[in-house]
Amino acid sequence: MESFELQLLEKRLTIEPQDNGTYRIMDGLDKLGVIYPEPSEEEVVWSTQDELDADFVQQVGKMITDHNNNS
């Protein structure tokens, strides 16, 4: 998959899909972290092992899901 951009409030983030199903989140040249989907009973829950705010991870994850569903 190719990289794509998402607008989150005032930030323009670059999303770099990885071969292992994770997504690298970039702000310009700065790597913010890596997130990945974890299926649950009702919906996909997004997680990270990086020091990212849980709400931020869920917001970006939902935007990634929406982007992938519309591609």
Protein backbone atom coordinates (compact mmCIF):
# COMPACT_ATOMS: atom_id res chain seq x y z
CA MET A 1 0.00 0.00 0.00
CA GLU A 2 1.07 3.52 -0.67
CA SER A 3 1.39 6.31 1.86
CA PHE A 4 -1.50 8.76 2.15
CA GLU A 5 -2.27 11.94 4.03
CA LEU A 6 -4.96 12.71 6.60
CA GLN A 7 -6.01 16.05 8.04
CA LEU A 8 -6.56 15.98 11.81
CA LEU A 9 -7.46 19.44 13.12
CA GLU A 10 -4.49 21.66 12.22
CA LYS A 11 -2.14 18.74 11.51
CA ARG A 12 -1.54 17.13 8.14
CA LEU A 13 -0.36 13.61 8.92
CA THR A 14 1.29 11.15 6.56
CA ILE A 15 0.20 7.55 7.06
CA GLU A 16 2.68 4.90 5.96
CA PRO A 17 1.11 1.42 5.82
CA GLN A 18 3.58 -1.32 6.78
CA ASP A 19 3.71 -4.89 5.45
CA ASN A 20 2.85 -6.32 8.88
CA GLY A 21 -0.53 -4.54 9.10
CA THR A 22 0.63 -1.60 11.21
CA TYR A 23 0.57 2.08 10.22
CA ARG A 24 3.42 4.53 10.83
CA ILE A 25 2.12 8.02 11.66
CA MET A 26 4.34 10.86 10.49
CA ASP A 27 4.10 14.61 11.11
CA GLY A 28 6.42 15.97 8.44
CA LEU A 29 9.72 14.18 9.02
CA ASP A 30 8.86 13.34 12.64
CA LYS A 31 7.61 9.86 13.43
CA LEU A 32 4.81 10.17 15.96
CA GLY A 33 4.36 6.43 16.41
CA VAL A 34 2.91 3.24 15.00
CA ILE A 35 -0.70 2.12 15.41
CA TYR A 36 -2.46 -1.11 14.54
CA PRO A 37 -6.03 -2.43 14.49
CA GLU A 38 -7.25 -5.04 16.94
CA PRO A 39 -10.62 -6.62 16.15
CA SER A 40 -13.15 -6.68 18.96
CA GLU A 41 -16.71 -7.95 19.14
CA GLU A 42 -18.35 -4.74 17.98
CA GLU A 43 -15.76 -2.70 16.09
CA VAL A 44 -12.08 -2.31 15.38
CA VAL A 45 -10.08 -0.92 18.30
CA TRP A 46 -6.81 0.79 17.49
CA SER A 47 -3.74 0.29 19.70
CA THR A 48 -0.13 1.37 19.95
CA GLN A 49 2.95 0.52 21.92
CA ASP A 50 4.16 4.11 21.61
CA GLU A 51 3.44 7.00 23.94
CA LEU A 52 0.43 8.33 22.06
CA ASP A 53 -2.81 9.62 23.54
CA ALA A 54 -5.52 6.92 23.35
CA ASP A 55 -8.08 9.33 21.85
CA PHE A 56 -5.57 10.40 19.18
CA VAL A 57 -4.91 6.74 18.31
CA GLN A 58 -8.64 6.02 17.97
CA GLN A 59 -9.26 9.17 15.87
CA VAL A 60 -6.43 8.43 13.46
CA GLY A 61 -7.39 4.76 13.34
CA LYS A 62 -10.98 5.60 12.41
CA MET A 63 -9.71 7.92 9.69
CA ILE A 64 -7.47 5.13 8.36
CA THR A 65 -10.44 2.74 8.35
CA ASP A 66 -12.57 5.30 6.50
CA HIS A 67 -9.77 5.90 3.98
CA ASN A 68 -9.30 2.18 3.37
CA ASN A 69 -13.06 1.62 2.96
CA ASN A 70 -13.25 4.42 0.38
CA SER A 71 -10.20 3.34 -1.65
